[in-house]
Protein backbone atom coordinates (compact mmCIF):
# COMPACT_ATOMS: atom_id res chain seq x y z
CA UNK A 1 0.00 0.00 0.00
CA UNK A 2 1.22 3.49 -0.77
CA UNK A 3 0.21 7.06 -0.12
CA UNK A 4 0.71 10.55 -1.50
CA UNK A 5 0.74 13.70 0.68
CA UNK A 6 -0.25 17.20 -0.42
CA UNK A 7 -0.75 20.81 0.60
CA UNK A 8 -2.39 23.68 -1.29
CA UNK A 9 -3.18 27.41 -1.17
CA UNK A 10 -5.96 29.51 -2.76
CA UNK A 11 -5.82 33.08 -4.08
CA UNK A 12 -9.31 34.54 -4.26
CA UNK A 13 -11.20 37.84 -4.18
CA UNK A 14 -14.70 38.84 -3.06
CA UNK A 15 -16.13 35.69 -1.54
CA UNK A 16 -18.62 35.18 1.26
CA UNK A 17 -17.79 33.45 4.54
CA UNK A 18 -17.35 29.80 3.77
CA UNK A 19 -15.01 26.88 3.32
CA UNK A 20 -13.13 25.44 0.39
CA UNK A 21 -11.97 21.85 0.31
CA UNK A 22 -10.80 19.25 -2.17
CA UNK A 23 -12.46 16.28 -3.78
CA UNK A 24 -10.30 13.89 -5.80
CA UNK A 25 -11.15 11.38 -8.54
CA UNK A 26 -9.13 8.88 -10.55
CA UNK A 27 -9.34 10.26 -14.09
CA UNK A 28 -10.10 7.22 -16.28
CA UNK A 29 -12.91 5.72 -14.15
CA UNK A 30 -13.92 8.84 -12.16
CA UNK A 31 -13.58 6.82 -8.94
CA UNK A 32 -13.56 9.04 -5.80
CA UNK A 33 -10.27 9.02 -3.87
CA UNK A 34 -9.79 9.15 -0.08
CA UNK A 35 -13.43 10.14 0.43
CA UNK A 36 -13.52 9.47 4.17
CA UNK A 37 -10.75 11.98 5.03
CA UNK A 38 -9.98 14.37 2.17
CA UNK A 39 -12.68 16.98 2.77
CA UNK A 40 -11.87 17.38 6.47
CA UNK A 41 -8.08 17.35 5.98
CA UNK A 42 -8.09 19.85 3.07
CA UNK A 43 -10.54 22.37 4.55
CA UNK A 44 -9.62 26.09 4.36
CA UNK A 45 -11.82 28.78 5.91
CA UNK A 46 -12.44 31.83 3.66
CA UNK A 47 -13.70 35.35 4.19
CA UNK A 48 -12.76 38.10 1.76
CA UNK A 49 -15.42 40.81 1.17
CA UNK A 50 -12.96 42.97 -0.83
CA UNK A 51 -11.92 43.17 -4.47
CA UNK A 52 -8.30 42.53 -3.45
CA UNK A 53 -6.89 39.09 -4.17
CA UNK A 54 -6.00 37.39 -0.88
CA UNK A 55 -4.01 34.20 -0.30
CA UNK A 56 -5.52 31.54 1.96
CA UNK A 57 -3.76 28.32 2.89
CA UNK A 58 -4.04 25.21 4.93
CA UNK A 59 -3.16 25.47 8.61
CA UNK A 60 0.52 25.25 9.54
CA UNK A 61 1.77 21.67 9.80
CA UNK A 62 -1.32 20.26 8.11
CA UNK A 63 -1.62 18.29 4.90
CA UNK A 64 -3.94 15.87 3.15
CA UNK A 65 -3.26 12.33 1.99
CA UNK A 66 -4.39 10.30 -1.00
CA UNK A 67 -4.18 6.67 0.11
CA UNK A 68 -5.10 4.88 -3.11
CA UNK A 69 -2.39 3.61 -5.42
CA UNK A 70 0.47 1.18 -5.83
CA UNK A 71 4.16 1.87 -5.44
CA UNK A 72 5.84 2.73 -8.75
CA UNK A 73 2.51 2.94 -10.65
CA UNK A 74 1.65 6.64 -11.07
CA UNK A 75 -1.82 7.64 -12.23
CA UNK A 76 -3.80 10.78 -13.05
CA UNK A 77 -6.24 12.30 -10.57
CA UNK A 78 -8.63 15.20 -10.96
CA UNK A 79 -8.88 17.53 -7.98
CA UNK A 80 -12.01 19.67 -7.62
CA UNK A 81 -11.84 22.76 -5.42
CA UNK A 82 -15.30 23.04 -3.85
CA UNK A 83 -16.88 25.90 -1.89
CA UNK A 84 -19.75 25.93 0.58
CA UNK A 85 -21.12 28.82 2.68
CA UNK A 86 -20.72 28.67 6.46
CA UNK A 87 -24.49 28.58 6.83
CA UNK A 88 -24.79 25.66 4.42
CA UNK A 89 -26.27 25.70 0.99
CA UNK A 90 -25.31 24.12 -2.28
CA UNK A 91 -21.73 23.00 -2.87
CA UNK A 92 -20.11 24.91 -5.75
CA UNK A 93 -17.14 23.59 -7.74
CA UNK A 94 -14.80 26.55 -8.29
CA UNK A 95 -12.10 24.88 -10.37
CA UNK A 96 -10.67 21.51 -11.32
CA UNK A 97 -7.14 20.47 -12.18
CA UNK A 98 -5.49 17.17 -13.09
CA UNK A 99 -2.32 16.04 -11.31
CA UNK A 100 -0.07 13.01 -11.53
CA UNK A 101 -0.23 10.94 -8.34
CA UNK A 102 2.91 9.08 -7.36
CA UNK A 103 2.56 7.02 -4.21
CA UNK A 104 5.17 6.28 -1.57
CA UNK A 105 5.71 3.11 0.38
CA UNK A 106 5.07 3.35 4.08
C-alpha atoms as a PDB file:
ATOM      1  CA  UNK A   1       0.000   0.000   0.000  1.00  0.00           C
ATOM      2  CA  UNK A   2       1.225   3.492  -0.768  1.00  0.00           C
ATOM      3  CA  UNK A   3       0.211   7.059  -0.122  1.00  0.00           C
ATOM      4  CA  UNK A   4       0.713  10.554  -1.495  1.00  0.00           C
ATOM      5  CA  UNK A   5       0.741  13.695   0.680  1.00  0.00           C
ATOM      6  CA  UNK A   6      -0.247  17.199  -0.420  1.00  0.00           C
ATOM      7  CA  UNK A   7      -0.748  20.807   0.604  1.00  0.00           C
ATOM      8  CA  UNK A   8      -2.393  23.684  -1.288  1.00  0.00           C
ATOM      9  CA  UNK A   9      -3.184  27.412  -1.172  1.00  0.00           C
ATOM     10  CA  UNK A  10      -5.958  29.508  -2.757  1.00  0.00           C
ATOM     11  CA  UNK A  11      -5.815  33.078  -4.081  1.00  0.00           C
ATOM     12  CA  UNK A  12      -9.312  34.541  -4.265  1.00  0.00           C
ATOM     13  CA  UNK A  13     -11.201  37.843  -4.178  1.00  0.00           C
ATOM     14  CA  UNK A  14     -14.701  38.836  -3.056  1.00  0.00           C
ATOM     15  CA  UNK A  15     -16.131  35.687  -1.543  1.00  0.00           C
ATOM     16  CA  UNK A  16     -18.618  35.175   1.261  1.00  0.00           C
ATOM     17  CA  UNK A  17     -17.790  33.454   4.541  1.00  0.00           C
ATOM     18  CA  UNK A  18     -17.354  29.800   3.774  1.00  0.00           C
ATOM     19  CA  UNK A  19     -15.007  26.883   3.324  1.00  0.00           C
ATOM     20  CA  UNK A  20     -13.131  25.441   0.388  1.00  0.00           C
ATOM     21  CA  UNK A  21     -11.973  21.850   0.308  1.00  0.00           C
ATOM     22  CA  UNK A  22     -10.798  19.248  -2.172  1.00  0.00           C
ATOM     23  CA  UNK A  23     -12.458  16.280  -3.779  1.00  0.00           C
ATOM     24  CA  UNK A  24     -10.299  13.889  -5.799  1.00  0.00           C
ATOM     25  CA  UNK A  25     -11.152  11.383  -8.537  1.00  0.00           C
ATOM     26  CA  UNK A  26      -9.131   8.878 -10.548  1.00  0.00           C
ATOM     27  CA  UNK A  27      -9.336  10.257 -14.090  1.00  0.00           C
ATOM     28  CA  UNK A  28     -10.099   7.217 -16.275  1.00  0.00           C
ATOM     29  CA  UNK A  29     -12.913   5.724 -14.150  1.00  0.00           C
ATOM     30  CA  UNK A  30     -13.918   8.839 -12.158  1.00  0.00           C
ATOM     31  CA  UNK A  31     -13.578   6.816  -8.937  1.00  0.00           C
ATOM     32  CA  UNK A  32     -13.559   9.035  -5.802  1.00  0.00           C
ATOM     33  CA  UNK A  33     -10.271   9.021  -3.869  1.00  0.00           C
ATOM     34  CA  UNK A  34      -9.789   9.154  -0.077  1.00  0.00           C
ATOM     35  CA  UNK A  35     -13.435  10.143   0.430  1.00  0.00           C
ATOM     36  CA  UNK A  36     -13.517   9.469   4.166  1.00  0.00           C
ATOM     37  CA  UNK A  37     -10.751  11.983   5.027  1.00  0.00           C
ATOM     38  CA  UNK A  38      -9.978  14.367   2.171  1.00  0.00           C
ATOM     39  CA  UNK A  39     -12.683  16.984   2.773  1.00  0.00           C
ATOM     40  CA  UNK A  40     -11.868  17.383   6.471  1.00  0.00           C
ATOM     41  CA  UNK A  41      -8.080  17.354   5.982  1.00  0.00           C
ATOM     42  CA  UNK A  42      -8.090  19.848   3.065  1.00  0.00           C
ATOM     43  CA  UNK A  43     -10.545  22.374   4.551  1.00  0.00           C
ATOM     44  CA  UNK A  44      -9.622  26.088   4.359  1.00  0.00           C
ATOM     45  CA  UNK A  45     -11.818  28.784   5.912  1.00  0.00           C
ATOM     46  CA  UNK A  46     -12.444  31.825   3.663  1.00  0.00           C
ATOM     47  CA  UNK A  47     -13.698  35.353   4.189  1.00  0.00           C
ATOM     48  CA  UNK A  48     -12.756  38.105   1.763  1.00  0.00           C
ATOM     49  CA  UNK A  49     -15.419  40.805   1.170  1.00  0.00           C
ATOM     50  CA  UNK A  50     -12.956  42.968  -0.835  1.00  0.00           C
ATOM     51  CA  UNK A  51     -11.917  43.169  -4.474  1.00  0.00           C
ATOM     52  CA  UNK A  52      -8.300  42.527  -3.455  1.00  0.00           C
ATOM     53  CA  UNK A  53      -6.886  39.092  -4.165  1.00  0.00           C
ATOM     54  CA  UNK A  54      -6.003  37.392  -0.877  1.00  0.00           C
ATOM     55  CA  UNK A  55      -4.009  34.199  -0.305  1.00  0.00           C
ATOM     56  CA  UNK A  56      -5.522  31.541   1.962  1.00  0.00           C
ATOM     57  CA  UNK A  57      -3.763  28.319   2.886  1.00  0.00           C
ATOM     58  CA  UNK A  58      -4.036  25.210   4.929  1.00  0.00           C
ATOM     59  CA  UNK A  59      -3.163  25.467   8.606  1.00  0.00           C
ATOM     60  CA  UNK A  60       0.518  25.253   9.539  1.00  0.00           C
ATOM     61  CA  UNK A  61       1.772  21.668   9.797  1.00  0.00           C
ATOM     62  CA  UNK A  62      -1.323  20.260   8.111  1.00  0.00           C
ATOM     63  CA  UNK A  63      -1.622  18.291   4.902  1.00  0.00           C
ATOM     64  CA  UNK A  64      -3.937  15.873   3.148  1.00  0.00           C
ATOM     65  CA  UNK A  65      -3.261  12.332   1.992  1.00  0.00           C
ATOM     66  CA  UNK A  66      -4.387  10.296  -0.997  1.00  0.00           C
ATOM     67  CA  UNK A  67      -4.181   6.675   0.111  1.00  0.00           C
ATOM     68  CA  UNK A  68      -5.104   4.876  -3.115  1.00  0.00           C
ATOM     69  CA  UNK A  69      -2.386   3.613  -5.421  1.00  0.00           C
ATOM     70  CA  UNK A  70       0.471   1.180  -5.825  1.00  0.00           C
ATOM     71  CA  UNK A  71       4.164   1.870  -5.438  1.00  0.00           C
ATOM     72  CA  UNK A  72       5.843   2.729  -8.754  1.00  0.00           C
ATOM     73  CA  UNK A  73       2.511   2.938 -10.649  1.00  0.00           C
ATOM     74  CA  UNK A  74       1.653   6.644 -11.068  1.00  0.00           C
ATOM     75  CA  UNK A  75      -1.822   7.637 -12.230  1.00  0.00           C
ATOM     76  CA  UNK A  76      -3.798  10.784 -13.051  1.00  0.00           C
ATOM     77  CA  UNK A  77      -6.242  12.296 -10.567  1.00  0.00           C
ATOM     78  CA  UNK A  78      -8.634  15.204 -10.960  1.00  0.00           C
ATOM     79  CA  UNK A  79      -8.881  17.533  -7.984  1.00  0.00           C
ATOM     80  CA  UNK A  80     -12.008  19.669  -7.619  1.00  0.00           C
ATOM     81  CA  UNK A  81     -11.836  22.762  -5.417  1.00  0.00           C
ATOM     82  CA  UNK A  82     -15.303  23.037  -3.854  1.00  0.00           C
ATOM     83  CA  UNK A  83     -16.877  25.905  -1.890  1.00  0.00           C
ATOM     84  CA  UNK A  84     -19.748  25.928   0.585  1.00  0.00           C
ATOM     85  CA  UNK A  85     -21.115  28.823   2.676  1.00  0.00           C
ATOM     86  CA  UNK A  86     -20.721  28.668   6.465  1.00  0.00           C
ATOM     87  CA  UNK A  87     -24.493  28.584   6.830  1.00  0.00           C
ATOM     88  CA  UNK A  88     -24.789  25.665   4.423  1.00  0.00           C
ATOM     89  CA  UNK A  89     -26.270  25.698   0.989  1.00  0.00           C
ATOM     90  CA  UNK A  90     -25.314  24.120  -2.281  1.00  0.00           C
ATOM     91  CA  UNK A  91     -21.728  22.999  -2.867  1.00  0.00           C
ATOM     92  CA  UNK A  92     -20.113  24.908  -5.749  1.00  0.00           C
ATOM     93  CA  UNK A  93     -17.144  23.594  -7.740  1.00  0.00           C
ATOM     94  CA  UNK A  94     -14.795  26.549  -8.287  1.00  0.00           C
ATOM     95  CA  UNK A  95     -12.096  24.883 -10.369  1.00  0.00           C
ATOM     96  CA  UNK A  96     -10.665  21.511 -11.318  1.00  0.00           C
ATOM     97  CA  UNK A  97      -7.137  20.466 -12.176  1.00  0.00           C
ATOM     98  CA  UNK A  98      -5.485  17.174 -13.085  1.00  0.00           C
ATOM     99  CA  UNK A  99      -2.324  16.036 -11.306  1.00  0.00           C
ATOM    100  CA  UNK A 100      -0.069  13.015 -11.528  1.00  0.00           C
ATOM    101  CA  UNK A 101      -0.231  10.944  -8.339  1.00  0.00           C
ATOM    102  CA  UNK A 102       2.913   9.081  -7.357  1.00  0.00           C
ATOM    103  CA  UNK A 103       2.565   7.023  -4.209  1.00  0.00           C
ATOM    104  CA  UNK A 104       5.170   6.284  -1.570  1.00  0.00           C
ATOM    105  CA  UNK A 105       5.710   3.110   0.377  1.00  0.00           C
ATOM    106  CA  UNK A 106       5.066   3.350   4.081  1.00  0.00           C
END
